[in-house]
C-alpha atoms as a PDB file:
ATOM      1  CA  MET A   1     -43.872 -26.762  19.771  1.00  0.00           C
ATOM      2  CA  THR A   2     -47.027 -24.961  19.928  1.00  0.00           C
ATOM      3  CA  ARG A   3     -47.743 -22.379  16.915  1.00  0.00           C
ATOM      4  CA  GLY A   4     -46.286 -19.427  18.439  1.00  0.00           C
ATOM      5  CA  SER A   5     -42.875 -20.717  19.113  1.00  0.00           C
ATOM      6  CA  LYS A   6     -42.654 -21.897  15.676  1.00  0.00           C
ATOM      7  CA  GLN A   7     -43.729 -18.490  13.884  1.00  0.00           C
ATOM      8  CA  ARG A   8     -40.710 -17.198  16.383  1.00  0.00           C
ATOM      9  CA  PHE A   9     -38.435 -19.661  15.513  1.00  0.00           C
ATOM     10  CA  VAL A  10     -39.254 -19.016  11.622  1.00  0.00           C
ATOM     11  CA  VAL A  11     -38.826 -15.083  11.955  1.00  0.00           C
ATOM     12  CA  LEU A  12     -35.591 -16.026  13.703  1.00  0.00           C
ATOM     13  CA  ALA A  13     -34.162 -18.400  11.262  1.00  0.00           C
ATOM     14  CA  ALA A  14     -35.444 -15.632   8.689  1.00  0.00           C
ATOM     15  CA  GLY A  15     -33.694 -12.946  10.095  1.00  0.00           C
ATOM     16  CA  ILE A  16     -30.618 -14.766  10.364  1.00  0.00           C
ATOM     17  CA  LEU A  17     -30.668 -15.686   6.847  1.00  0.00           C
ATOM     18  CA  VAL A  18     -30.768 -11.995   5.866  1.00  0.00           C
ATOM     19  CA  PHE A  19     -28.454 -10.842   8.053  1.00  0.00           C
ATOM     20  CA  VAL A  20     -25.765 -13.088   6.534  1.00  0.00           C
ATOM     21  CA  THR A  21     -26.735 -12.393   2.846  1.00  0.00           C
ATOM     22  CA  VAL A  22     -26.571  -8.892   3.481  1.00  0.00           C
ATOM     23  CA  ALA A  23     -23.039  -9.304   5.417  1.00  0.00           C
ATOM     24  CA  LEU A  24     -21.824 -11.384   2.317  1.00  0.00           C
ATOM     25  CA  ALA A  25     -23.129  -9.236  -0.365  1.00  0.00           C
ATOM     26  CA  TRP A  26     -21.065  -5.807   1.327  1.00  0.00           C
ATOM     27  CA  GLU A  27     -17.662  -7.964   1.658  1.00  0.00           C
ATOM     28  CA  SER A  28     -18.542  -8.012  -2.077  1.00  0.00           C
ATOM     29  CA  ILE A  29     -19.937  -4.265  -2.946  1.00  0.00           C
ATOM     30  CA  TRP A  30     -17.248  -2.798  -0.501  1.00  0.00           C
ATOM     31  CA  SER A  31     -14.803  -4.527  -3.072  1.00  0.00           C
ATOM     32  CA  TRP A  32     -16.369  -3.076  -5.643  1.00  0.00           C
ATOM     33  CA  ILE A  33     -16.469   0.538  -4.401  1.00  0.00           C
ATOM     34  CA  ARG A  34     -13.227   0.211  -3.117  1.00  0.00           C
ATOM     35  CA  CYS A  35     -11.715  -0.559  -6.345  1.00  0.00           C
ATOM     36  CA  GLN A  36     -13.703   2.102  -7.856  1.00  0.00           C
ATOM     37  CA  TYR A  37     -11.892   4.658  -5.616  1.00  0.00           C
ATOM     38  CA  LEU A  38      -8.510   3.462  -6.095  1.00  0.00           C
ATOM     39  CA  PHE A  39      -7.787   2.856 -10.014  1.00  0.00           C
ATOM     40  CA  ALA A  40      -9.120   4.324 -13.290  1.00  0.00           C
ATOM     41  CA  TYR A  41     -10.032   2.910 -15.880  1.00  0.00           C
ATOM     42  CA  VAL A  42      -7.463   3.531 -18.694  1.00  0.00           C
ATOM     43  CA  GLY A  43      -8.925   1.237 -21.624  1.00  0.00           C
ATOM     44  CA  GLU A  44      -7.828  -1.731 -23.370  1.00  0.00           C
ATOM     45  CA  ASN A  45      -3.983  -3.045 -24.353  1.00  0.00           C
ATOM     46  CA  ALA A  46      -3.321  -4.849 -27.437  1.00  0.00           C
ATOM     47  CA  HIS A  47      -4.300  -7.556 -26.426  1.00  0.00           C
ATOM     48  CA  GLY A  48      -7.589  -6.917 -25.349  1.00  0.00           C
ATOM     49  CA  GLN A  49      -6.871  -6.557 -21.893  1.00  0.00           C
ATOM     50  CA  ARG A  50      -8.609  -3.718 -19.518  1.00  0.00           C
ATOM     51  CA  GLU A  51      -5.995  -1.746 -18.040  1.00  0.00           C
ATOM     52  CA  TYR A  52      -6.541   0.561 -14.559  1.00  0.00           C
ATOM     53  CA  ARG A  53      -4.272   3.468 -13.467  1.00  0.00           C
ATOM     54  CA  HIS A  54      -3.515   3.320  -9.331  1.00  0.00           C
ATOM     55  CA  ARG A  55      -5.107   6.732  -8.338  1.00  0.00           C
ATOM     56  CA  GLN A  56      -1.691   7.461  -5.713  1.00  0.00           C
ATOM     57  CA  THR A  57       1.277   5.992  -7.842  1.00  0.00           C
ATOM     58  CA  GLY A  58       0.008   6.046 -11.379  1.00  0.00           C
ATOM     59  CA  ALA A  59       0.879   2.429 -11.738  1.00  0.00           C
ATOM     60  CA  VAL A  60      -0.924   0.705 -14.675  1.00  0.00           C
ATOM     61  CA  PHE A  61      -2.317  -2.520 -13.655  1.00  0.00           C
ATOM     62  CA  VAL A  62      -3.609  -5.099 -16.519  1.00  0.00           C
ATOM     63  CA  ARG A  63      -7.129  -6.716 -15.051  1.00  0.00           C
ATOM     64  CA  LEU A  64      -6.396 -10.701 -16.154  1.00  0.00           C
ATOM     65  CA  PRO A  65      -8.908 -13.304 -17.214  1.00  0.00           C
ATOM     66  CA  GLY A  66     -10.123 -15.292 -14.052  1.00  0.00           C
ATOM     67  CA  GLY A  67      -9.858 -18.761 -14.301  1.00  0.00           C
ATOM     68  CA  ARG A  68      -7.859 -21.990 -14.290  1.00  0.00           C
ATOM     69  CA  PRO A  69      -4.869 -21.779 -17.150  1.00  0.00           C
ATOM     70  CA  SER A  70      -5.766 -24.288 -19.592  1.00  0.00           C
ATOM     71  CA  ARG A  71      -2.784 -26.917 -20.292  1.00  0.00           C
ATOM     72  CA  ARG A  72      -2.701 -26.317 -23.933  1.00  0.00           C
ATOM     73  CA  ARG A  73      -1.271 -23.368 -23.834  1.00  0.00           C
ATOM     74  CA  TRP A  74       1.556 -24.409 -20.923  1.00  0.00           C
ATOM     75  CA  ARG A  75       2.817 -27.278 -23.890  1.00  0.00           C
ATOM     76  CA  ARG A  76       3.429 -24.431 -26.462  1.00  0.00           C
ATOM     77  CA  ILE A  77       5.905 -23.131 -23.971  1.00  0.00           C
ATOM     78  CA  PRO A  78       9.536 -23.809 -25.043  1.00  0.00           C
ATOM     79  CA  SER A  79      11.171 -25.902 -22.643  1.00  0.00           C
ATOM     80  CA  ALA A  80      13.812 -23.574 -21.532  1.00  0.00           C
ATOM     81  CA  ALA A  81      11.295 -20.831 -20.329  1.00  0.00           C
ATOM     82  CA  LYS A  82       9.043 -23.793 -18.757  1.00  0.00           C
ATOM     83  CA  ALA A  83      12.783 -24.030 -16.919  1.00  0.00           C
ATOM     84  CA  ILE A  84      12.568 -20.580 -15.328  1.00  0.00           C
ATOM     85  CA  TRP A  85       8.881 -20.994 -14.268  1.00  0.00           C
ATOM     86  CA  ARG A  86       9.301 -24.280 -12.332  1.00  0.00           C
END
């Protein structure tokens, strides 16, 4: 490989990396913009969770924390309720 071809390769690889980064970021940014357009922040409910109102229908949604649920809470639920969810 000559010096000129190495430079072209580096420029091409950097361009592809920038394109992929912008494409992935755009997906995240677009979903946030769409969410801001579709939903209006109402406030927090009695449990401290954020509530949003769908602008078109007026339905209220609660934003739940992400992540994996804890198994400790599952153990505290009565067995009759567990049977319903299974």
